[in-house]
Amino acid sequence: MISEGVEVVTMHDQSPLRAETWPMSRTCPFSLPPDYASLREHPGLPRLTGPSGRTVFVAARHEDVRAVLGDARFSSDRSHPGFPWMRVGETVFPGFRPSLIEMDPPEHGPVRRAVAGEFAIGRMRELRPKVQCIVDGLLDDVLAGAESADLVSALAVPMSGLVLCELLGIPTSDRQEFTTNTTVLTAHDSADADRAESFRSLIAYFDALCATKMTERPEDLLGRLAGHQLFSGDESRWAMAELCILLVVAGLETTATMTALGVLALLEHPDQLALLTADPGLTPAAVEELLRFFSVAELSLMRRATADVEVGGTLVRTGEGVAALSAAANRDPAAFADPDTFDVTRDNRRHLAFGWGPHQCLGRNLARLELRIVLDTLFRRIPTLRLATPRDELRYVNGSAFSVSALPVTW
C-alpha cells in the first residue's frame, strides 16, 4: 500500500489517493526509501506534493522513467511556469538563459553535438594517462601520511576537481575556488543569497577564463569550442561560461560521491571486493553495478509536459511536472533480477544512472573512466584498506546528489 500523502490520478481511475510528499530522504546508502517500492507497484503515476507545495507526478518504474526521459514533449527548461522546482520559492537567476541540460529542441541538438565530441571514447583514451597520474599523485600523498585518511577529502573530491582542471584547462591553483562555489550552489540548505553570489562568482571566473581561451585557442576542451561557430558572436563568452558551470556542477559532486560510495560498497561487501581484486577485468562491470546500485543524482531528472502525454496509464496534462526517479527505476525487479543485491558480475547494464534520451549525461564516459581507474588503483596499492569508522556512524547527505560527507579509512 502507498503511505499517506500522494495523490494519484490515472486515466482509468480519476479518484485521488492521498500519500506522502516528495522527495524522500535516503538514510542508508545501500537501501532506498521504503516507499519507492510501493510507488513502482501502484498503477499509473503517483502524484506527490513537492517542496514548493505544488504536486508533481512521479515515474518510478524503469519503463516509465525511460518513457518520460526519452519523450521530447517533456521539457527541461526551468524558466517555464509550472516547472517542478526542488526548493521552496526557487526561481531562475537574473539574466538566466537555459544551459545545455535545460534546452529543448531544436536549440538543444546542435549545441549538444558540438560538445559531445569532447567526451567521445577517443578523447577519453587521450585523457586516461592524465587521470591515472592524478590518482597516483593523490594516493602518494595519502600513503606518505599516517596509516589513515578521509577518502572524501583526500581522494574523491580532489580527483574530480583535478580532472576537471585538466579537461577544461583550468589552473590547478584555482580548484578550491570553483569547488567551494559549486558546493554552495548545489547544496539544498544554502541560502538563496549565497547561491546567487556563488553563481555570480562562477560566471565571473569562467567568463574571464573563456576570454583567454577565445584569444589563445589552446588545445583543450574550451580552446576547441572557442573555434566552433555555435560559440561565436556577442554572447559566446557567456554561453561558454554557463557551459563551464554545467560541466563543473555535473562532474564534480557526482563523481566524487560515486568514488566514495563505491569504495564503501566494496569494503562492506568483501565477497564482491575479492572477486574484483582476483579479476581486474571485472572493473567495468563493477562500475556499472555501482552506478545502478546507488543512482545518486536522480533529483536533477525533472520535466514539464508541453503537451498532454500518457505515461504508464496516467494522463499528464500540458504544464504539469514529472519527477523521474532513476534510483527507483534501477531497483525495478521488472528490469533487474534481484535488484537490491550488489553484484559486480551482473551482466544487465540497462541502468538509468546517467539518465536517458536527449539529455543523457554527456560526461558518462569520463565518469566511467575516473571510477575504473580510481577503484583499480586504490585496491591495488592499498590491498589492506578497511573502514576506520563503522558504517552506521558515517554521515550521509541528501543534497543534489546523495553522498557521504566523510569516509575514514585505515590500512
Protein backbone atom coordinates (compact mmCIF):
# COMPACT_ATOMS: atom_id res chain seq x y z
CA MET A 1 0.00 0.00 0.00
CA ILE A 2 1.07 3.61 -0.66
CA SER A 3 1.64 5.52 2.54
CA GLU A 4 -0.48 8.58 3.21
CA GLY A 5 0.48 11.72 1.29
CA VAL A 6 0.36 11.02 -2.54
CA GLU A 7 -2.45 11.95 -4.85
CA VAL A 8 -2.74 9.52 -7.74
CA VAL A 9 -4.88 10.17 -10.81
CA THR A 10 -4.92 7.68 -13.69
CA MET A 11 -6.82 7.61 -16.96
CA HIS A 12 -8.71 4.63 -15.59
CA ASP A 13 -9.43 5.92 -12.09
CA GLN A 14 -9.87 9.63 -11.52
CA SER A 15 -10.30 9.35 -7.75
CA PRO A 16 -7.39 10.79 -5.72
CA LEU A 17 -5.40 8.70 -3.28
CA ARG A 18 -3.56 10.54 -0.53
CA ALA A 19 0.04 9.52 0.13
CA GLU A 20 3.26 11.25 1.19
CA THR A 21 5.40 14.10 -0.07
CA TRP A 22 8.45 14.04 -2.28
CA PRO A 23 11.45 13.88 -2.29
CA MET A 24 12.01 11.12 0.23
CA SER A 25 15.27 11.12 2.15
CA ARG A 26 17.73 8.25 1.99
CA THR A 27 19.29 7.26 5.30
CA CYS A 28 21.25 4.16 4.28
CA PRO A 29 23.48 4.11 1.21
CA PHE A 30 22.50 0.55 0.36
CA SER A 31 18.73 0.94 0.72
CA LEU A 32 16.25 3.23 -0.99
CA PRO A 33 13.31 4.89 0.78
CA PRO A 34 10.76 2.12 1.51
CA ASP A 35 8.00 3.91 -0.41
CA TYR A 36 9.94 3.62 -3.67
CA ALA A 37 8.80 0.00 -3.99
CA SER A 38 5.16 0.90 -3.39
CA LEU A 39 5.40 3.76 -5.90
CA ARG A 40 6.60 1.26 -8.51
CA GLU A 41 3.81 -1.18 -7.67
CA HIS A 42 0.97 1.33 -7.82
CA PRO A 43 -0.88 1.55 -11.16
CA GLY A 44 -0.22 4.75 -13.04
CA LEU A 45 1.98 7.63 -11.93
CA PRO A 46 1.51 8.72 -8.30
CA ARG A 47 1.17 12.45 -7.72
CA LEU A 48 3.08 13.79 -4.72
CA THR A 49 3.45 17.18 -3.11
CA GLY A 50 6.88 18.64 -3.80
CA PRO A 51 8.98 21.08 -1.73
CA SER A 52 7.35 24.10 -3.38
CA GLY A 53 3.89 22.90 -2.32
CA ARG A 54 2.89 22.03 -5.87
CA THR A 55 2.04 18.50 -6.88
CA VAL A 56 4.24 16.55 -9.25
CA PHE A 57 3.76 13.22 -10.99
CA VAL A 58 6.37 10.62 -10.13
CA ALA A 59 7.69 7.99 -12.55
CA ALA A 60 9.27 5.16 -10.55
CA ARG A 61 9.17 2.14 -12.86
CA HIS A 62 12.05 1.55 -15.27
CA GLU A 63 9.74 1.57 -18.28
CA ASP A 64 8.01 4.81 -17.22
CA VAL A 65 11.25 6.64 -16.40
CA ARG A 66 12.63 5.79 -19.85
CA ALA A 67 9.37 6.94 -21.42
CA VAL A 68 9.49 10.34 -19.70
CA LEU A 69 13.18 11.00 -20.30
CA GLY A 70 13.03 9.87 -23.92
CA ASP A 71 9.98 11.94 -24.92
CA ALA A 72 10.72 15.42 -26.32
CA ARG A 73 7.27 16.54 -25.19
CA PHE A 74 8.65 16.69 -21.66
CA SER A 75 10.65 19.91 -21.33
CA SER A 76 13.79 20.51 -19.27
CA ASP A 77 13.52 24.32 -19.46
CA ARG A 78 13.28 25.57 -15.88
CA SER A 79 12.06 29.00 -16.96
CA HIS A 80 8.64 27.59 -17.91
CA PRO A 81 5.80 28.34 -15.46
CA GLY A 82 4.92 25.18 -13.57
CA PHE A 83 8.38 23.64 -13.74
CA PRO A 84 8.75 21.31 -10.71
CA TRP A 85 11.31 23.17 -8.63
CA MET A 86 13.16 21.39 -5.83
CA ARG A 87 13.26 24.34 -3.43
CA VAL A 88 10.55 26.49 -1.87
CA GLY A 89 10.46 29.83 -3.70
CA GLU A 90 13.13 28.70 -6.17
CA THR A 91 13.38 30.67 -9.39
CA VAL A 92 15.85 31.37 -12.17
CA PHE A 93 18.76 33.72 -11.52
CA PRO A 94 18.62 37.22 -13.04
CA GLY A 95 19.94 37.06 -16.60
CA PHE A 96 19.34 33.30 -16.72
CA ARG A 97 19.38 31.61 -20.11
CA PRO A 98 18.84 27.87 -20.46
CA SER A 99 22.07 25.88 -20.28
CA LEU A 100 22.59 22.71 -22.29
CA ILE A 101 20.64 20.43 -19.94
CA GLU A 102 17.79 22.97 -19.83
CA MET A 103 17.47 23.44 -23.59
CA ASP A 104 14.68 21.91 -25.66
CA PRO A 105 14.68 21.08 -29.38
CA PRO A 106 15.56 22.50 -31.80
CA GLU A 107 18.17 24.60 -29.94
CA HIS A 108 19.43 21.66 -27.89
CA GLY A 109 20.65 19.36 -30.69
CA PRO A 110 23.35 21.49 -32.37
CA VAL A 111 24.86 22.60 -29.05
CA ARG A 112 24.94 19.08 -27.66
CA ARG A 113 26.56 17.72 -30.82
CA ALA A 114 29.25 20.40 -30.61
CA VAL A 115 30.12 19.42 -27.05
CA ALA A 116 29.57 15.65 -27.29
CA GLY A 117 32.72 15.05 -29.30
CA GLU A 118 34.81 16.24 -26.36
CA PHE A 119 33.54 13.26 -24.33
CA ALA A 120 33.84 10.62 -27.04
CA ILE A 121 35.80 7.42 -26.43
CA GLY A 122 38.80 8.76 -28.36
CA ARG A 123 39.08 11.85 -26.16
CA MET A 124 38.77 9.69 -23.04
CA ARG A 125 41.56 7.47 -24.32
CA GLU A 126 43.79 10.56 -24.58
CA LEU A 127 42.78 11.64 -21.08
CA ARG A 128 43.36 8.26 -19.43
CA PRO A 129 47.10 8.64 -18.62
CA LYS A 130 46.44 12.06 -17.13
CA VAL A 131 43.67 10.71 -14.88
CA GLN A 132 45.97 7.86 -13.85
CA CYS A 133 48.68 10.37 -12.97
CA ILE A 134 46.23 12.41 -10.87
CA VAL A 135 45.05 9.34 -8.95
CA ASP A 136 48.60 8.09 -8.38
CA GLY A 137 49.69 11.50 -7.10
CA LEU A 138 46.81 11.72 -4.64
CA LEU A 139 47.47 8.19 -3.36
CA ASP A 140 51.17 9.02 -3.00
CA ASP A 141 50.12 11.82 -0.64
CA VAL A 142 47.73 9.53 1.24
CA LEU A 143 50.38 6.86 1.75
CA ALA A 144 53.00 9.42 2.77
CA GLY A 145 50.97 10.32 5.86
CA ALA A 146 49.68 8.31 8.78
CA GLU A 147 48.03 4.95 8.12
CA SER A 148 44.60 6.55 7.95
CA ALA A 149 42.80 9.09 5.79
CA ASP A 150 39.43 10.53 4.83
CA LEU A 151 38.98 9.32 1.27
CA VAL A 152 36.40 12.01 0.52
CA SER A 153 38.71 14.96 1.18
CA ALA A 154 41.98 13.21 0.32
CA LEU A 155 40.97 11.38 -2.85
CA ALA A 156 37.40 11.61 -4.17
CA VAL A 157 36.88 15.40 -4.22
CA PRO A 158 40.38 16.44 -5.33
CA MET A 159 40.42 13.77 -8.05
CA SER A 160 37.17 15.07 -9.54
CA GLY A 161 38.38 18.67 -9.31
CA LEU A 162 41.80 18.00 -10.81
CA VAL A 163 40.34 16.01 -13.69
CA LEU A 164 38.01 18.92 -14.46
CA CYS A 165 41.01 21.27 -14.35
CA GLU A 166 42.78 19.04 -16.87
CA LEU A 167 39.71 18.77 -19.08
CA LEU A 168 38.84 22.47 -19.14
CA GLY A 169 42.37 23.87 -18.92
CA ILE A 170 41.79 25.46 -15.51
CA PRO A 171 44.88 26.31 -13.42
CA THR A 172 45.05 23.76 -10.61
CA SER A 173 45.63 26.61 -8.16
CA ASP A 174 42.03 27.70 -8.82
CA ARG A 175 40.49 24.32 -7.98
CA GLN A 176 39.49 25.22 -4.44
CA GLU A 177 37.72 28.39 -5.59
CA PHE A 178 35.39 26.71 -8.06
CA THR A 179 34.94 23.69 -5.77
CA THR A 180 33.75 25.88 -2.89
CA ASN A 181 31.36 27.89 -5.04
CA THR A 182 29.98 24.75 -6.66
CA THR A 183 29.32 23.21 -3.25
CA VAL A 184 27.33 26.26 -2.16
CA LEU A 185 25.44 26.36 -5.44
CA THR A 186 24.32 22.71 -5.26
CA ALA A 187 23.66 22.36 -1.52
CA HIS A 188 19.95 22.22 -0.74
CA ASP A 189 20.43 24.01 2.58
CA SER A 190 22.26 27.01 1.06
CA ALA A 191 20.54 30.37 1.45
CA ASP A 192 19.22 31.84 -1.80
CA ALA A 193 21.50 34.86 -1.45
CA ASP A 194 24.56 32.63 -1.00
CA ARG A 195 23.62 30.51 -4.01
CA ALA A 196 23.13 33.62 -6.15
CA GLU A 197 26.50 35.00 -5.05
CA SER A 198 28.24 31.70 -5.84
CA PHE A 199 26.60 31.67 -9.27
CA ARG A 200 27.83 35.22 -9.95
CA SER A 201 31.33 34.30 -8.79
CA LEU A 202 31.42 31.26 -11.05
CA ILE A 203 30.13 33.22 -14.04
CA ALA A 204 32.74 35.95 -13.47
CA TYR A 205 35.54 33.40 -13.10
CA PHE A 206 34.62 31.37 -16.17
CA ASP A 207 33.86 34.47 -18.24
CA ALA A 208 37.45 35.63 -17.68
CA LEU A 209 38.78 32.13 -18.37
CA CYS A 210 36.78 31.84 -21.60
CA ALA A 211 38.01 35.25 -22.76
CA THR A 212 41.56 33.90 -22.52
CA LYS A 213 40.62 30.67 -24.30
CA MET A 214 38.99 32.58 -27.16
CA THR A 215 42.13 34.64 -27.64
CA GLU A 216 44.77 31.95 -27.21
CA ARG A 217 42.87 28.88 -28.54
CA PRO A 218 44.82 26.29 -26.52
CA GLU A 219 44.44 22.57 -27.26
CA ASP A 220 41.87 21.82 -24.58
CA LEU A 221 38.08 21.50 -24.49
CA LEU A 222 37.37 25.21 -24.15
CA GLY A 223 40.04 26.16 -26.67
CA ARG A 224 38.48 23.86 -29.25
CA LEU A 225 34.93 25.03 -28.51
CA ALA A 226 36.07 28.65 -28.85
CA GLY A 227 36.61 27.98 -32.53
CA HIS A 228 33.15 26.50 -33.05
CA GLN A 229 30.59 28.64 -34.86
CA LEU A 230 27.99 27.99 -32.15
CA PHE A 231 30.22 29.83 -29.71
CA SER A 232 30.79 32.95 -31.78
CA GLY A 233 29.17 36.35 -31.58
CA ASP A 234 28.41 38.76 -28.77
CA GLU A 235 27.05 36.16 -26.34
CA SER A 236 29.69 33.50 -26.93
CA ARG A 237 31.66 34.05 -23.73
CA TRP A 238 28.52 33.95 -21.59
CA ALA A 239 27.40 30.75 -23.32
CA MET A 240 30.79 29.14 -22.76
CA ALA A 241 30.91 30.30 -19.14
CA GLU A 242 27.49 28.75 -18.49
CA LEU A 243 28.68 25.55 -20.14
CA CYS A 244 31.68 25.51 -17.79
CA ILE A 245 29.38 25.83 -14.77
CA LEU A 246 27.25 22.97 -16.07
CA LEU A 247 30.29 20.72 -16.56
CA VAL A 248 31.68 21.56 -13.13
CA VAL A 249 28.37 21.15 -11.30
CA ALA A 250 27.55 17.92 -13.14
CA GLY A 251 31.00 16.41 -12.88
CA LEU A 252 32.38 17.45 -9.52
CA GLU A 253 29.93 16.25 -6.88
CA THR A 254 28.54 13.17 -8.61
CA THR A 255 31.90 11.61 -9.49
CA ALA A 256 33.33 12.35 -6.05
CA THR A 257 30.23 10.88 -4.44
CA MET A 258 30.34 7.74 -6.57
CA THR A 259 34.03 7.28 -5.76
CA ALA A 260 33.39 7.39 -2.02
CA LEU A 261 30.25 5.26 -2.13
CA GLY A 262 31.93 2.80 -4.48
CA VAL A 263 34.78 2.26 -2.03
CA LEU A 264 32.27 1.93 0.82
CA ALA A 265 30.21 -0.65 -1.07
CA LEU A 266 33.23 -2.80 -1.86
CA LEU A 267 34.57 -2.62 1.69
CA GLU A 268 31.15 -3.60 3.04
CA HIS A 269 30.81 -6.46 0.52
CA PRO A 270 34.15 -8.29 0.89
CA ASP A 271 33.00 -11.17 -1.31
CA GLN A 272 32.47 -8.73 -4.19
CA LEU A 273 35.78 -6.99 -3.50
CA ALA A 274 37.52 -10.38 -3.58
CA LEU A 275 36.03 -11.10 -6.99
CA LEU A 276 37.20 -7.73 -8.26
CA THR A 277 40.76 -7.95 -6.95
CA ALA A 278 41.10 -11.50 -8.26
CA ASP A 279 39.96 -10.41 -11.72
CA PRO A 280 40.53 -6.71 -12.55
CA GLY A 281 38.75 -7.39 -15.82
CA LEU A 282 35.53 -7.17 -13.79
CA THR A 283 36.13 -3.48 -13.06
CA PRO A 284 33.95 -2.14 -15.92
CA ALA A 285 31.05 -4.36 -14.81
CA ALA A 286 31.61 -3.36 -11.18
CA VAL A 287 31.44 0.33 -12.09
CA GLU A 288 28.15 -0.18 -13.95
CA GLU A 289 26.75 -2.06 -10.96
CA LEU A 290 27.81 0.71 -8.59
CA LEU A 291 26.14 3.29 -10.82
CA ARG A 292 22.93 1.24 -10.89
CA PHE A 293 23.02 0.41 -7.19
CA PHE A 294 23.45 3.98 -5.93
CA SER A 295 21.94 6.22 -8.65
CA VAL A 296 22.98 9.30 -6.67
CA ALA A 297 21.79 12.13 -8.93
CA GLU A 298 18.10 11.44 -9.58
CA LEU A 299 16.90 14.81 -8.26
CA SER A 300 18.05 16.51 -11.48
CA LEU A 301 15.63 14.48 -13.63
CA MET A 302 12.70 16.90 -13.55
CA ARG A 303 10.46 17.60 -16.52
CA ARG A 304 7.39 19.66 -17.50
CA ALA A 305 4.86 18.43 -20.07
CA THR A 306 4.46 20.67 -23.13
CA ALA A 307 1.54 18.56 -24.40
CA ASP A 308 -0.89 16.03 -23.00
CA VAL A 309 1.09 12.79 -22.69
CA GLU A 310 0.05 9.36 -21.42
CA VAL A 311 2.69 7.58 -19.33
CA GLY A 312 2.04 4.29 -17.58
CA GLY A 313 -1.72 4.71 -17.85
CA THR A 314 -1.69 8.25 -16.45
CA LEU A 315 -2.55 11.33 -18.48
CA VAL A 316 -0.02 14.08 -17.75
CA ARG A 317 -1.53 17.33 -18.98
CA THR A 318 0.26 20.29 -20.53
CA GLY A 319 2.09 22.31 -17.89
CA GLU A 320 2.22 19.56 -15.27
CA GLY A 321 5.52 18.45 -13.76
CA VAL A 322 7.05 14.99 -13.62
CA ALA A 323 9.91 13.67 -11.49
CA ALA A 324 11.72 10.68 -12.99
CA LEU A 325 13.15 8.55 -10.16
CA SER A 326 16.18 6.84 -11.67
CA ALA A 327 17.11 5.21 -8.35
CA ALA A 328 13.68 3.57 -8.11
CA ALA A 329 13.88 2.51 -11.76
CA ASN A 330 17.31 0.98 -11.21
CA ARG A 331 15.89 -1.25 -8.46
CA ASP A 332 12.87 -2.31 -10.53
CA PRO A 333 12.51 -6.12 -10.43
CA ALA A 334 10.83 -5.95 -13.83
CA ALA A 335 14.15 -4.75 -15.28
CA PHE A 336 16.78 -6.34 -13.00
CA ALA A 337 16.94 -9.73 -11.31
CA ASP A 338 17.47 -9.45 -7.54
CA PRO A 339 17.69 -5.65 -7.88
CA ASP A 340 18.59 -5.00 -4.24
CA THR A 341 21.64 -7.26 -4.45
CA PHE A 342 25.04 -5.69 -5.18
CA ASP A 343 26.64 -7.99 -7.75
CA VAL A 344 29.80 -6.99 -9.64
CA THR A 345 29.27 -9.84 -12.10
CA ARG A 346 25.82 -8.58 -13.19
CA ASP A 347 25.57 -8.54 -16.97
CA ASN A 348 22.43 -6.38 -17.23
CA ARG A 349 23.64 -2.81 -17.76
CA ARG A 350 20.36 -1.14 -18.72
CA HIS A 351 20.57 1.20 -15.76
CA LEU A 352 19.42 4.82 -15.91
CA ALA A 353 22.02 6.36 -13.59
CA PHE A 354 23.07 8.69 -16.42
CA GLY A 355 19.51 9.44 -17.40
CA TRP A 356 18.12 8.61 -20.83
CA GLY A 357 17.12 10.24 -24.07
CA PRO A 358 18.32 13.58 -25.48
CA HIS A 359 19.66 14.76 -22.12
CA GLN A 360 21.54 11.60 -21.17
CA CYS A 361 24.67 12.63 -19.27
CA LEU A 362 27.36 13.90 -21.65
CA GLY A 363 30.13 13.08 -19.18
CA ARG A 364 29.23 9.43 -18.67
CA ASN A 365 32.38 8.19 -20.44
CA LEU A 366 34.50 10.46 -18.26
CA ALA A 367 32.77 9.29 -15.08
CA ARG A 368 33.32 5.66 -16.06
CA LEU A 369 36.98 6.35 -16.81
CA GLU A 370 37.59 8.01 -13.45
CA LEU A 371 35.77 5.33 -11.46
CA ARG A 372 37.53 2.46 -13.21
CA ILE A 373 40.96 4.00 -12.66
CA VAL A 374 40.46 5.04 -9.05
CA LEU A 375 38.98 1.71 -7.91
CA ASP A 376 41.60 -0.37 -9.72
CA THR A 377 44.46 1.76 -8.41
CA LEU A 378 43.21 2.18 -4.84
CA PHE A 379 42.73 -1.52 -4.08
CA ARG A 380 45.91 -2.50 -5.92
CA ARG A 381 48.05 -0.04 -3.97
CA ILE A 382 46.30 -0.44 -0.60
CA PRO A 383 45.04 -4.05 -0.51
CA THR A 384 44.50 -3.95 3.28
CA LEU A 385 42.18 -0.94 3.13
CA ARG A 386 39.31 -1.01 5.64
CA LEU A 387 36.84 1.35 7.27
CA ALA A 388 38.09 3.24 10.31
CA THR A 389 34.53 4.09 11.38
CA PRO A 390 31.54 1.73 11.43
CA ARG A 391 29.19 2.31 8.52
CA ASP A 392 26.30 3.20 10.83
CA GLU A 393 28.34 6.10 12.25
CA LEU A 394 29.05 7.70 8.89
CA ARG A 395 27.14 10.87 7.99
CA TYR A 396 25.12 10.88 4.80
CA VAL A 397 23.87 13.95 2.95
CA ASN A 398 20.69 14.28 0.87
CA GLY A 399 21.66 17.11 -1.47
CA SER A 400 21.63 17.45 -5.24
CA ALA A 401 23.34 14.05 -5.06
CA PHE A 402 23.09 11.54 -2.22
CA SER A 403 26.54 11.40 -0.65
CA VAL A 404 28.68 10.52 2.34
CA SER A 405 30.32 13.55 3.96
CA ALA A 406 33.50 11.72 5.00
CA LEU A 407 34.92 8.21 4.61
CA PRO A 408 37.57 7.50 7.27
CA VAL A 409 39.74 4.51 6.34
CA THR A 410 42.86 2.81 7.61
CA TRP A 411 45.16 0.03 6.40
